[in-house]
Amino acid sequence: MTRTMLKSKIHRAKITGTDLLYCGSITLDPAMIEAADLLPFEQVHVFNIANGARLVTYVIEGETTGSGEVCLNGAAARLAEPGDEIIILSFIEMSDEEARDHKPVILALEGDNCISGK
């Protein structure tokens, strides 16, 4: 049996921009990607705290480390406004045995998408 477990969570990221004409995805600051143990093109779930919208997309790496960039692209851009707080989640499948010892990466953001404790 396998279980689907939370792998990574970025909590209370603020949308810094939207780009309706881009092909899709969520653009994230490279520092966030690394700290949350995500990879470019990894599937993520995005929950908008402001309006309840939920979507599934994939990560692309922003250009500037430390920028705090969080940009929803393509059709997803219609589901958020700059300043909205969101939760970004990724999941992993693992055996029941592995799941019992699994600890997800939880990344809390502060202010202008600053990584808490850094």
PDB file of N, CA and C in Angstrom:
ATOM      1  N   MET A   1       0.839  -1.180   0.000  1.00  0.00           N
ATOM      2  CA  MET A   1       0.000   0.000   0.000  1.00  0.00           C
ATOM      3  C   MET A   1       0.884   1.244   0.000  1.00  0.00           C
ATOM      4  N   THR A   2       0.461   2.229  -0.758  1.00  0.00           N
ATOM      5  CA  THR A   2       1.152   3.522  -0.718  1.00  0.00           C
ATOM      6  C   THR A   2       0.210   4.567  -0.143  1.00  0.00           C
ATOM      7  N   ARG A   3       0.816   5.592   0.409  1.00  0.00           N
ATOM      8  CA  ARG A   3       0.070   6.724   0.955  1.00  0.00           C
ATOM      9  C   ARG A   3       0.569   7.991   0.283  1.00  0.00           C
ATOM     10  N   THR A   4      -0.331   8.933   0.091  1.00  0.00           N
ATOM     11  CA  THR A   4       0.040  10.241  -0.430  1.00  0.00           C
ATOM     12  C   THR A   4       0.169  11.174   0.760  1.00  0.00           C
ATOM     13  N   MET A   5       1.377  11.709   0.952  1.00  0.00           N
ATOM     14  CA  MET A   5       1.697  12.515   2.132  1.00  0.00           C
ATOM     15  C   MET A   5       2.124  13.921   1.710  1.00  0.00           C
ATOM     16  N   LEU A   6       1.908  14.868   2.611  1.00  0.00           N
ATOM     17  CA  LEU A   6       2.409  16.221   2.389  1.00  0.00           C
ATOM     18  C   LEU A   6       3.932  16.182   2.346  1.00  0.00           C
ATOM     19  N   LYS A   7       4.524  16.715   1.288  1.00  0.00           N
ATOM     20  CA  LYS A   7       5.985  16.787   1.172  1.00  0.00           C
ATOM     21  C   LYS A   7       6.488  18.153   1.599  1.00  0.00           C
ATOM     22  N   SER A   8       5.857  19.207   1.067  1.00  0.00           N
ATOM     23  CA  SER A   8       6.311  20.579   1.319  1.00  0.00           C
ATOM     24  C   SER A   8       5.108  21.504   1.425  1.00  0.00           C
ATOM     25  N   LYS A   9       5.249  22.513   2.282  1.00  0.00           N
ATOM     26  CA  LYS A   9       4.201  23.524   2.421  1.00  0.00           C
ATOM     27  C   LYS A   9       4.857  24.888   2.552  1.00  0.00           C
ATOM     28  N   ILE A  10       4.428  25.822   1.714  1.00  0.00           N
ATOM     29  CA  ILE A  10       4.816  27.226   1.867  1.00  0.00           C
ATOM     30  C   ILE A  10       3.565  27.932   2.367  1.00  0.00           C
ATOM     31  N   HIS A  11       3.642  28.428   3.600  1.00  0.00           N
ATOM     32  CA  HIS A  11       2.467  28.971   4.281  1.00  0.00           C
ATOM     33  C   HIS A  11       2.445  30.491   4.234  1.00  0.00           C
ATOM     34  N   ARG A  12       1.318  31.035   3.787  1.00  0.00           N
ATOM     35  CA  ARG A  12       1.038  32.467   3.754  1.00  0.00           C
ATOM     36  C   ARG A  12       1.985  33.261   2.848  1.00  0.00           C
ATOM     37  N   ALA A  13       2.246  32.706   1.675  1.00  0.00           N
ATOM     38  CA  ALA A  13       2.964  33.475   0.651  1.00  0.00           C
ATOM     39  C   ALA A  13       2.015  34.538   0.115  1.00  0.00           C
ATOM     40  N   LYS A  14       2.538  35.703  -0.206  1.00  0.00           N
ATOM     41  CA  LYS A  14       1.722  36.766  -0.786  1.00  0.00           C
ATOM     42  C   LYS A  14       1.974  36.840  -2.287  1.00  0.00           C
ATOM     43  N   ILE A  15       0.892  36.879  -3.041  1.00  0.00           N
ATOM     44  CA  ILE A  15       0.999  37.032  -4.493  1.00  0.00           C
ATOM     45  C   ILE A  15       1.626  38.392  -4.792  1.00  0.00           C
ATOM     46  N   THR A  16       2.714  38.380  -5.569  1.00  0.00           N
ATOM     47  CA  THR A  16       3.380  39.633  -5.946  1.00  0.00           C
ATOM     48  C   THR A  16       2.999  40.079  -7.350  1.00  0.00           C
ATOM     49  N   GLY A  17       2.412  39.167  -8.129  1.00  0.00           N
ATOM     50  CA  GLY A  17       2.013  39.529  -9.479  1.00  0.00           C
ATOM     51  C   GLY A  17       1.240  38.411 -10.141  1.00  0.00           C
ATOM     52  N   THR A  18       0.605  38.742 -11.255  1.00  0.00           N
ATOM     53  CA  THR A  18      -0.084  37.757 -12.082  1.00  0.00           C
ATOM     54  C   THR A  18       0.246  38.065 -13.542  1.00  0.00           C
ATOM     55  N   ASP A  19       0.276  37.022 -14.359  1.00  0.00           N
ATOM     56  CA  ASP A  19       0.585  37.194 -15.779  1.00  0.00           C
ATOM     57  C   ASP A  19      -0.341  36.293 -16.591  1.00  0.00           C
ATOM     58  N   LEU A  20      -1.480  36.838 -16.969  1.00  0.00           N
ATOM     59  CA  LEU A  20      -2.500  36.080 -17.683  1.00  0.00           C
ATOM     60  C   LEU A  20      -1.992  35.521 -19.010  1.00  0.00           C
ATOM     61  N   LEU A  21      -1.089  36.211 -19.673  1.00  0.00           N
ATOM     62  CA  LEU A  21      -0.638  35.801 -21.002  1.00  0.00           C
ATOM     63  C   LEU A  21       0.480  34.763 -20.983  1.00  0.00           C
ATOM     64  N   TYR A  22       1.043  34.469 -19.802  1.00  0.00           N
ATOM     65  CA  TYR A  22       2.065  33.430 -19.710  1.00  0.00           C
ATOM     66  C   TYR A  22       1.379  32.066 -19.816  1.00  0.00           C
ATOM     67  N   CYS A  23       2.107  31.063 -20.241  1.00  0.00           N
ATOM     68  CA  CYS A  23       1.514  29.749 -20.550  1.00  0.00           C
ATOM     69  C   CYS A  23       0.964  28.970 -19.359  1.00  0.00           C
ATOM     70  N   GLY A  24       1.251  29.359 -18.153  1.00  0.00           N
ATOM     71  CA  GLY A  24       0.770  28.623 -16.985  1.00  0.00           C
ATOM     72  C   GLY A  24       1.829  28.573 -15.918  1.00  0.00           C
ATOM     73  N   SER A  25       1.499  28.054 -14.772  1.00  0.00           N
ATOM     74  CA  SER A  25       2.447  27.812 -13.692  1.00  0.00           C
ATOM     75  C   SER A  25       2.384  28.853 -12.587  1.00  0.00           C
ATOM     76  N   ILE A  26       3.242  28.647 -11.586  1.00  0.00           N
ATOM     77  CA  ILE A  26       3.472  29.624 -10.529  1.00  0.00           C
ATOM     78  C   ILE A  26       4.972  29.885 -10.483  1.00  0.00           C
ATOM     79  N   THR A  27       5.353  31.139 -10.605  1.00  0.00           N
ATOM     80  CA  THR A  27       6.758  31.534 -10.543  1.00  0.00           C
ATOM     81  C   THR A  27       7.101  31.821  -9.090  1.00  0.00           C
ATOM     82  N   LEU A  28       8.177  31.196  -8.598  1.00  0.00           N
ATOM     83  CA  LEU A  28       8.602  31.382  -7.212  1.00  0.00           C
ATOM     84  C   LEU A  28      10.053  31.825  -7.141  1.00  0.00           C
ATOM     85  N   ASP A  29      10.347  32.627  -6.134  1.00  0.00           N
ATOM     86  CA  ASP A  29      11.713  33.020  -5.793  1.00  0.00           C
ATOM     87  C   ASP A  29      12.552  31.746  -5.642  1.00  0.00           C
ATOM     88  N   PRO A  30      13.733  31.674  -6.259  1.00  0.00           N
ATOM     89  CA  PRO A  30      14.578  30.487  -6.132  1.00  0.00           C
ATOM     90  C   PRO A  30      14.889  30.106  -4.683  1.00  0.00           C
ATOM     91  N   ALA A  31      14.983  31.084  -3.789  1.00  0.00           N
ATOM     92  CA  ALA A  31      15.247  30.781  -2.375  1.00  0.00           C
ATOM     93  C   ALA A  31      14.086  30.001  -1.760  1.00  0.00           C
ATOM     94  N   MET A  32      12.864  30.336  -2.133  1.00  0.00           N
ATOM     95  CA  MET A  32      11.688  29.603  -1.636  1.00  0.00           C
ATOM     96  C   MET A  32      11.688  28.173  -2.162  1.00  0.00           C
ATOM     97  N   ILE A  33      12.007  28.027  -3.448  1.00  0.00           N
ATOM     98  CA  ILE A  33      12.026  26.699  -4.061  1.00  0.00           C
ATOM     99  C   ILE A  33      13.009  25.802  -3.318  1.00  0.00           C
ATOM    100  N   GLU A  34      14.194  26.318  -3.060  1.00  0.00           N
ATOM    101  CA  GLU A  34      15.211  25.523  -2.363  1.00  0.00           C
ATOM    102  C   GLU A  34      14.792  25.216  -0.931  1.00  0.00           C
ATOM    103  N   ALA A  35      14.343  26.233  -0.197  1.00  0.00           N
ATOM    104  CA  ALA A  35      13.984  26.051   1.212  1.00  0.00           C
ATOM    105  C   ALA A  35      12.807  25.092   1.388  1.00  0.00           C
ATOM    106  N   ALA A  36      11.906  25.057   0.418  1.00  0.00           N
ATOM    107  CA  ALA A  36      10.725  24.188   0.502  1.00  0.00           C
ATOM    108  C   ALA A  36      10.957  22.818  -0.131  1.00  0.00           C
ATOM    109  N   ASP A  37      12.169  22.554  -0.601  1.00  0.00           N
ATOM    110  CA  ASP A  37      12.509  21.283  -1.236  1.00  0.00           C
ATOM    111  C   ASP A  37      11.610  20.998  -2.443  1.00  0.00           C
ATOM    112  N   LEU A  38      11.426  22.022  -3.264  1.00  0.00           N
ATOM    113  CA  LEU A  38      10.680  21.872  -4.513  1.00  0.00           C
ATOM    114  C   LEU A  38      11.652  21.846  -5.687  1.00  0.00           C
ATOM    115  N   LEU A  39      11.179  21.399  -6.824  1.00  0.00           N
ATOM    116  CA  LEU A  39      11.959  21.417  -8.058  1.00  0.00           C
ATOM    117  C   LEU A  39      11.177  22.170  -9.130  1.00  0.00           C
ATOM    118  N   PRO A  40      11.883  22.813 -10.064  1.00  0.00           N
ATOM    119  CA  PRO A  40      11.176  23.390 -11.203  1.00  0.00           C
ATOM    120  C   PRO A  40      10.353  22.301 -11.905  1.00  0.00           C
ATOM    121  N   PHE A  41       9.140  22.655 -12.288  1.00  0.00           N
ATOM    122  CA  PHE A  41       8.179  21.795 -12.975  1.00  0.00           C
ATOM    123  C   PHE A  41       7.502  20.777 -12.057  1.00  0.00           C
ATOM    124  N   GLU A  42       7.762  20.860 -10.749  1.00  0.00           N
ATOM    125  CA  GLU A  42       7.065  19.988  -9.796  1.00  0.00           C
ATOM    126  C   GLU A  42       5.616  20.451  -9.639  1.00  0.00           C
ATOM    127  N   GLN A  43       4.709  19.495  -9.582  1.00  0.00           N
ATOM    128  CA  GLN A  43       3.290  19.812  -9.381  1.00  0.00           C
ATOM    129  C   GLN A  43       3.064  20.348  -7.976  1.00  0.00           C
ATOM    130  N   VAL A  44       2.253  21.390  -7.877  1.00  0.00           N
ATOM    131  CA  VAL A  44       1.864  21.949  -6.580  1.00  0.00           C
ATOM    132  C   VAL A  44       0.371  22.276  -6.588  1.00  0.00           C
ATOM    133  N   HIS A  45      -0.197  22.261  -5.403  1.00  0.00           N
ATOM    134  CA  HIS A  45      -1.566  22.722  -5.178  1.00  0.00           C
ATOM    135  C   HIS A  45      -1.457  24.107  -4.561  1.00  0.00           C
ATOM    136  N   VAL A  46      -2.307  25.020  -5.000  1.00  0.00           N
ATOM    137  CA  VAL A  46      -2.298  26.393  -4.495  1.00  0.00           C
ATOM    138  C   VAL A  46      -3.690  26.697  -3.952  1.00  0.00           C
ATOM    139  N   PHE A  47      -3.746  27.156  -2.702  1.00  0.00           N
ATOM    140  CA  PHE A  47      -5.005  27.530  -2.054  1.00  0.00           C
ATOM    141  C   PHE A  47      -4.953  29.020  -1.764  1.00  0.00           C
ATOM    142  N   ASN A  48      -5.918  29.765  -2.279  1.00  0.00           N
ATOM    143  CA  ASN A  48      -5.980  31.203  -2.052  1.00  0.00           C
ATOM    144  C   ASN A  48      -6.789  31.451  -0.781  1.00  0.00           C
ATOM    145  N   ILE A  49      -6.129  31.983   0.249  1.00  0.00           N
ATOM    146  CA  ILE A  49      -6.784  32.247   1.528  1.00  0.00           C
ATOM    147  C   ILE A  49      -7.830  33.349   1.376  1.00  0.00           C
ATOM    148  N   ALA A  50      -7.584  34.308   0.500  1.00  0.00           N
ATOM    149  CA  ALA A  50      -8.470  35.467   0.350  1.00  0.00           C
ATOM    150  C   ALA A  50      -9.828  35.112  -0.255  1.00  0.00           C
ATOM    151  N   ASN A  51      -9.846  34.196  -1.242  1.00  0.00           N
ATOM    152  CA  ASN A  51     -11.111  33.943  -1.936  1.00  0.00           C
ATOM    153  C   ASN A  51     -11.524  32.473  -1.994  1.00  0.00           C
ATOM    154  N   GLY A  52     -10.707  31.587  -1.420  1.00  0.00           N
ATOM    155  CA  GLY A  52     -11.053  30.173  -1.384  1.00  0.00           C
ATOM    156  C   GLY A  52     -10.731  29.394  -2.645  1.00  0.00           C
ATOM    157  N   ALA A  53     -10.199  30.046  -3.667  1.00  0.00           N
ATOM    158  CA  ALA A  53      -9.866  29.346  -4.917  1.00  0.00           C
ATOM    159  C   ALA A  53      -8.774  28.310  -4.664  1.00  0.00           C
ATOM    160  N   ARG A  54      -8.886  27.188  -5.357  1.00  0.00           N
ATOM    161  CA  ARG A  54      -7.884  26.121  -5.282  1.00  0.00           C
ATOM    162  C   ARG A  54      -7.510  25.733  -6.706  1.00  0.00           C
ATOM    163  N   LEU A  55      -6.234  25.460  -6.924  1.00  0.00           N
ATOM    164  CA  LEU A  55      -5.795  25.068  -8.256  1.00  0.00           C
ATOM    165  C   LEU A  55      -4.564  24.185  -8.167  1.00  0.00           C
ATOM    166  N   VAL A  56      -4.318  23.468  -9.243  1.00  0.00           N
ATOM    167  CA  VAL A  56      -3.127  22.635  -9.374  1.00  0.00           C
ATOM    168  C   VAL A  56      -2.335  23.179 -10.548  1.00  0.00           C
ATOM    169  N   THR A  57      -1.031  23.370 -10.341  1.00  0.00           N
ATOM    170  CA  THR A  57      -0.155  23.882 -11.392  1.00  0.00           C
ATOM    171  C   THR A  57       1.244  23.316 -11.157  1.00  0.00           C
ATOM    172  N   TYR A  58       2.245  23.957 -11.722  1.00  0.00           N
ATOM    173  CA  TYR A  58       3.621  23.517 -11.534  1.00  0.00           C
ATOM    174  C   TYR A  58       4.505  24.730 -11.281  1.00  0.00           C
ATOM    175  N   VAL A  59       5.655  24.471 -10.679  1.00  0.00           N
ATOM    176  CA  VAL A  59       6.592  25.519 -10.268  1.00  0.00           C
ATOM    177  C   VAL A  59       7.531  25.880 -11.409  1.00  0.00           C
ATOM    178  N   ILE A  60       7.766  27.180 -11.591  1.00  0.00           N
ATOM    179  CA  ILE A  60       8.901  27.627 -12.392  1.00  0.00           C
ATOM    180  C   ILE A  60       9.723  28.578 -11.533  1.00  0.00           C
ATOM    181  N   GLU A  61      11.008  28.583 -11.794  1.00  0.00           N
ATOM    182  CA  GLU A  61      11.945  29.362 -10.987  1.00  0.00           C
ATOM    183  C   GLU A  61      12.007  30.808 -11.466  1.00  0.00           C
ATOM    184  N   GLY A  62      11.846  31.727 -10.517  1.00  0.00           N
ATOM    185  CA  GLY A  62      12.004  33.141 -10.818  1.00  0.00           C
ATOM    186  C   GLY A  62      13.460  33.477 -11.088  1.00  0.00           C
ATOM    187  N   GLU A  63      13.702  34.696 -11.517  1.00  0.00           N
ATOM    188  CA  GLU A  63      15.054  35.093 -11.911  1.00  0.00           C
ATOM    189  C   GLU A  63      15.929  35.549 -10.755  1.00  0.00           C
ATOM    190  N   THR A  64      15.334  36.098  -9.685  1.00  0.00           N
ATOM    191  CA  THR A  64      16.134  36.750  -8.654  1.00  0.00           C
ATOM    192  C   THR A  64      15.950  36.095  -7.296  1.00  0.00           C
ATOM    193  N   THR A  65      17.026  35.512  -6.769  1.00  0.00           N
ATOM    194  CA  THR A  65      17.005  34.935  -5.429  1.00  0.00           C
ATOM    195  C   THR A  65      16.830  36.043  -4.400  1.00  0.00           C
ATOM    196  N   GLY A  66      15.920  35.816  -3.458  1.00  0.00           N
ATOM    197  CA  GLY A  66      15.666  36.793  -2.407  1.00  0.00           C
ATOM    198  C   GLY A  66      14.652  37.854  -2.778  1.00  0.00           C
ATOM    199  N   SER A  67      14.047  37.728  -3.949  1.00  0.00           N
ATOM    200  CA  SER A  67      13.088  38.734  -4.427  1.00  0.00           C
ATOM    201  C   SER A  67      11.723  38.618  -3.756  1.00  0.00           C
ATOM    202  N   GLY A  68      11.400  37.432  -3.241  1.00  0.00           N
ATOM    203  CA  GLY A  68      10.074  37.194  -2.687  1.00  0.00           C
ATOM    204  C   GLY A  68       9.009  36.989  -3.745  1.00  0.00           C
ATOM    205  N   GLU A  69       9.428  36.777  -4.988  1.00  0.00           N
ATOM    206  CA  GLU A  69       8.482  36.659  -6.099  1.00  0.00           C
ATOM    207  C   GLU A  69       7.552  35.455  -5.948  1.00  0.00           C
ATOM    208  N   VAL A  70       6.255  35.707  -6.101  1.00  0.00           N
ATOM    209  CA  VAL A  70       5.219  34.678  -6.158  1.00  0.00           C
ATOM    210  C   VAL A  70       4.207  35.161  -7.191  1.00  0.00           C
ATOM    211  N   CYS A  71       4.276  34.608  -8.395  1.00  0.00           N
ATOM    212  CA  CYS A  71       3.456  35.097  -9.509  1.00  0.00           C
ATOM    213  C   CYS A  71       2.643  33.948 -10.096  1.00  0.00           C
ATOM    214  N   LEU A  72       1.324  34.102 -10.120  1.00  0.00           N
ATOM    215  CA  LEU A  72       0.463  33.122 -10.781  1.00  0.00           C
ATOM    216  C   LEU A  72       0.349  33.479 -12.253  1.00  0.00           C
ATOM    217  N   ASN A  73       0.516  32.483 -13.103  1.00  0.00           N
ATOM    218  CA  ASN A  73       0.565  32.694 -14.541  1.00  0.00           C
ATOM    219  C   ASN A  73      -0.565  31.973 -15.262  1.00  0.00           C
ATOM    220  N   GLY A  74      -0.839  32.411 -16.482  1.00  0.00           N
ATOM    221  CA  GLY A  74      -1.843  31.772 -17.317  1.00  0.00           C
ATOM    222  C   GLY A  74      -3.230  31.895 -16.718  1.00  0.00           C
ATOM    223  N   ALA A  75      -4.066  30.892 -16.955  1.00  0.00           N
ATOM    224  CA  ALA A  75      -5.454  30.926 -16.485  1.00  0.00           C
ATOM    225  C   ALA A  75      -5.545  31.117 -14.977  1.00  0.00           C
ATOM    226  N   ALA A  76      -4.575  30.592 -14.232  1.00  0.00           N
ATOM    227  CA  ALA A  76      -4.573  30.729 -12.768  1.00  0.00           C
ATOM    228  C   ALA A  76      -4.493  32.184 -12.325  1.00  0.00           C
ATOM    229  N   ALA A  77      -3.998  33.052 -13.195  1.00  0.00           N
ATOM    230  CA  ALA A  77      -3.894  34.476 -12.858  1.00  0.00           C
ATOM    231  C   ALA A  77      -5.262  35.084 -12.561  1.00  0.00           C
ATOM    232  N   ARG A  78      -6.313  34.467 -13.074  1.00  0.00           N
ATOM    233  CA  ARG A  78      -7.671  34.962 -12.806  1.00  0.00           C
ATOM    234  C   ARG A  78      -8.147  34.618 -11.397  1.00  0.00           C
ATOM    235  N   LEU A  79      -7.403  33.771 -10.684  1.00  0.00           N
ATOM    236  CA  LEU A  79      -7.839  33.284  -9.377  1.00  0.00           C
ATOM    237  C   LEU A  79      -7.168  33.990  -8.207  1.00  0.00           C
ATOM    238  N   ALA A  80      -6.379  35.036  -8.479  1.00  0.00           N
ATOM    239  CA  ALA A  80      -5.692  35.747  -7.395  1.00  0.00           C
ATOM    240  C   ALA A  80      -5.385  37.170  -7.814  1.00  0.00           C
ATOM    241  N   GLU A  81      -5.177  37.996  -6.828  1.00  0.00           N
ATOM    242  CA  GLU A  81      -4.775  39.389  -7.019  1.00  0.00           C
ATOM    243  C   GLU A  81      -3.482  39.617  -6.246  1.00  0.00           C
ATOM    244  N   PRO A  82      -2.627  40.524  -6.699  1.00  0.00           N
ATOM    245  CA  PRO A  82      -1.445  40.854  -5.900  1.00  0.00           C
ATOM    246  C   PRO A  82      -1.865  41.224  -4.473  1.00  0.00           C
ATOM    247  N   GLY A  83      -1.146  40.667  -3.520  1.00  0.00           N
ATOM    248  CA  GLY A  83      -1.447  40.881  -2.108  1.00  0.00           C
ATOM    249  C   GLY A  83      -2.227  39.746  -1.470  1.00  0.00           C
ATOM    250  N   ASP A  84      -2.904  38.908  -2.276  1.00  0.00           N
ATOM    251  CA  ASP A  84      -3.613  37.752  -1.715  1.00  0.00           C
ATOM    252  C   ASP A  84      -2.616  36.814  -1.053  1.00  0.00           C
ATOM    253  N   GLU A  85      -3.000  36.251   0.085  1.00  0.00           N
ATOM    254  CA  GLU A  85      -2.172  35.242   0.741  1.00  0.00           C
ATOM    255  C   GLU A  85      -2.595  33.865   0.246  1.00  0.00           C
ATOM    256  N   ILE A  86      -1.594  33.024  -0.001  1.00  0.00           N
ATOM    257  CA  ILE A  86      -1.853  31.678  -0.509  1.00  0.00           C
ATOM    258  C   ILE A  86      -1.060  30.655   0.288  1.00  0.00           C
ATOM    259  N   ILE A  87      -1.456  29.412   0.136  1.00  0.00           N
ATOM    260  CA  ILE A  87      -0.722  28.265   0.667  1.00  0.00           C
ATOM    261  C   ILE A  87      -0.343  27.411  -0.535  1.00  0.00           C
ATOM    262  N   ILE A  88       0.919  26.993  -0.589  1.00  0.00           N
ATOM    263  CA  ILE A  88       1.426  26.171  -1.690  1.00  0.00           C
ATOM    264  C   ILE A  88       1.816  24.819  -1.099  1.00  0.00           C
ATOM    265  N   LEU A  89       1.278  23.732  -1.655  1.00  0.00           N
ATOM    266  CA  LEU A  89       1.518  22.390  -1.130  1.00  0.00           C
ATOM    267  C   LEU A  89       2.029  21.468  -2.225  1.00  0.00           C
ATOM    268  N   SER A  90       2.964  20.587  -1.857  1.00  0.00           N
ATOM    269  CA  SER A  90       3.347  19.494  -2.751  1.00  0.00           C
ATOM    270  C   SER A  90       3.212  18.193  -1.969  1.00  0.00           C
ATOM    271  N   PHE A  91       2.975  17.123  -2.696  1.00  0.00           N
ATOM    272  CA  PHE A  91       2.717  15.831  -2.073  1.00  0.00           C
ATOM    273  C   PHE A  91       3.665  14.783  -2.640  1.00  0.00           C
ATOM    274  N   ILE A  92       3.815  13.690  -1.902  1.00  0.00           N
ATOM    275  CA  ILE A  92       4.687  12.600  -2.322  1.00  0.00           C
ATOM    276  C   ILE A  92       4.015  11.277  -1.974  1.00  0.00           C
ATOM    277  N   GLU A  93       4.207  10.282  -2.820  1.00  0.00           N
ATOM    278  CA  GLU A  93       3.706   8.947  -2.517  1.00  0.00           C
ATOM    279  C   GLU A  93       4.837   8.128  -1.922  1.00  0.00           C
ATOM    280  N   MET A  94       4.494   7.368  -0.893  1.00  0.00           N
ATOM    281  CA  MET A  94       5.494   6.527  -0.235  1.00  0.00           C
ATOM    282  C   MET A  94       4.802   5.327   0.392  1.00  0.00           C
ATOM    283  N   SER A  95       5.615   4.375   0.779  1.00  0.00           N
ATOM    284  CA  SER A  95       5.062   3.183   1.419  1.00  0.00           C
ATOM    285  C   SER A  95       4.488   3.547   2.784  1.00  0.00           C
ATOM    286  N   ASP A  96       3.625   2.696   3.282  1.00  0.00           N
ATOM    287  CA  ASP A  96       3.044   2.894   4.609  1.00  0.00           C
ATOM    288  C   ASP A  96       4.149   2.997   5.660  1.00  0.00           C
ATOM    289  N   GLU A  97       5.149   2.167   5.546  1.00  0.00           N
ATOM    290  CA  GLU A  97       6.263   2.173   6.502  1.00  0.00           C
ATOM    291  C   GLU A  97       7.018   3.505   6.459  1.00  0.00           C
ATOM    292  N   GLU A  98       7.335   3.987   5.270  1.00  0.00           N
ATOM    293  CA  GLU A  98       8.026   5.278   5.138  1.00  0.00           C
ATOM    294  C   GLU A  98       7.168   6.421   5.671  1.00  0.00           C
ATOM    295  N   ALA A  99       5.875   6.348   5.410  1.00  0.00           N
ATOM    296  CA  ALA A  99       4.968   7.429   5.802  1.00  0.00           C
ATOM    297  C   ALA A  99       4.913   7.617   7.314  1.00  0.00           C
ATOM    298  N   ARG A 100       5.082   6.571   8.058  1.00  0.00           N
ATOM    299  CA  ARG A 100       4.988   6.658   9.519  1.00  0.00           C
ATOM    300  C   ARG A 100       6.112   7.496  10.126  1.00  0.00           C
ATOM    301  N   ASP A 101       7.237   7.623   9.436  1.00  0.00           N
ATOM    302  CA  ASP A 101       8.358   8.428   9.936  1.00  0.00           C
ATOM    303  C   ASP A 101       8.554   9.721   9.150  1.00  0.00           C
ATOM    304  N   HIS A 102       7.715   9.961   8.184  1.00  0.00           N
ATOM    305  CA  HIS A 102       7.881  11.112   7.293  1.00  0.00           C
ATOM    306  C   HIS A 102       7.603  12.430   8.009  1.00  0.00           C
ATOM    307  N   LYS A 103       8.437  13.425   7.739  1.00  0.00           N
ATOM    308  CA  LYS A 103       8.250  14.786   8.247  1.00  0.00           C
ATOM    309  C   LYS A 103       8.278  15.737   7.056  1.00  0.00           C
ATOM    310  N   PRO A 104       7.191  16.454   6.808  1.00  0.00           N
ATOM    311  CA  PRO A 104       7.177  17.391   5.680  1.00  0.00           C
ATOM    312  C   PRO A 104       8.003  18.636   5.976  1.00  0.00           C
ATOM    313  N   VAL A 105       8.382  19.335   4.927  1.00  0.00           N
ATOM    314  CA  VAL A 105       9.049  20.634   5.051  1.00  0.00           C
ATOM    315  C   VAL A 105       7.948  21.689   5.134  1.00  0.00           C
ATOM    316  N   ILE A 106       7.958  22.470   6.206  1.00  0.00           N
ATOM    317  CA  ILE A 106       6.979  23.546   6.385  1.00  0.00           C
ATOM    318  C   ILE A 106       7.744  24.863   6.368  1.00  0.00           C
ATOM    319  N   LEU A 107       7.433  25.696   5.405  1.00  0.00           N
ATOM    320  CA  LEU A 107       8.117  26.975   5.235  1.00  0.00           C
ATOM    321  C   LEU A 107       7.125  28.092   5.531  1.00  0.00           C
ATOM    322  N   ALA A 108       7.357  28.812   6.629  1.00  0.00           N
ATOM    323  CA  ALA A 108       6.488  29.932   6.995  1.00  0.00           C
ATOM    324  C   ALA A 108       7.115  31.219   6.471  1.00  0.00           C
ATOM    325  N   LEU A 109       6.297  32.025   5.826  1.00  0.00           N
ATOM    326  CA  LEU A 109       6.790  33.297   5.297  1.00  0.00           C
ATOM    327  C   LEU A 109       6.263  34.446   6.139  1.00  0.00           C
ATOM    328  N   GLU A 110       7.039  35.515   6.186  1.00  0.00           N
ATOM    329  CA  GLU A 110       6.669  36.713   6.932  1.00  0.00           C
ATOM    330  C   GLU A 110       6.729  37.918   5.999  1.00  0.00           C
ATOM    331  N   GLY A 111       5.991  38.942   6.352  1.00  0.00           N
ATOM    332  CA  GLY A 111       6.080  40.215   5.636  1.00  0.00           C
ATOM    333  C   GLY A 111       5.993  40.073   4.139  1.00  0.00           C
ATOM    334  N   ASP A 112       7.016  40.554   3.460  1.00  0.00           N
ATOM    335  CA  ASP A 112       7.056  40.520   1.998  1.00  0.00           C
ATOM    336  C   ASP A 112       7.693  39.234   1.492  1.00  0.00           C
ATOM    337  N   ASN A 113       7.148  38.109   1.929  1.00  0.00           N
ATOM    338  CA  ASN A 113       7.606  36.777   1.529  1.00  0.00           C
ATOM    339  C   ASN A 113       9.022  36.468   1.991  1.00  0.00           C
ATOM    340  N   CYS A 114       9.398  36.994   3.151  1.00  0.00           N
ATOM    341  CA  CYS A 114      10.686  36.664   3.758  1.00  0.00           C
ATOM    342  C   CYS A 114      10.550  35.319   4.457  1.00  0.00           C
ATOM    343  N   ILE A 115      11.545  34.467   4.283  1.00  0.00           N
ATOM    344  CA  ILE A 115      11.528  33.157   4.918  1.00  0.00           C
ATOM    345  C   ILE A 115      11.746  33.343   6.414  1.00  0.00           C
ATOM    346  N   SER A 116      10.818  32.836   7.224  1.00  0.00           N
ATOM    347  CA  SER A 116      10.865  32.980   8.677  1.00  0.00           C
ATOM    348  C   SER A 116      12.151  32.377   9.232  1.00  0.00           C
ATOM    349  N   GLY A 117      12.813  33.126  10.112  1.00  0.00           N
ATOM    350  CA  GLY A 117      14.030  32.636  10.740  1.00  0.00           C
ATOM    351  C   GLY A 117      15.282  32.857   9.929  1.00  0.00           C
ATOM    352  N   LYS A 118      15.176  33.558   8.797  1.00  0.00           N
ATOM    353  CA  LYS A 118      16.364  33.815   7.970  1.00  0.00           C
ATOM    354  C   LYS A 118      16.594  35.283   7.837  1.00  0.00           C
TER     355      LYS A 118
END
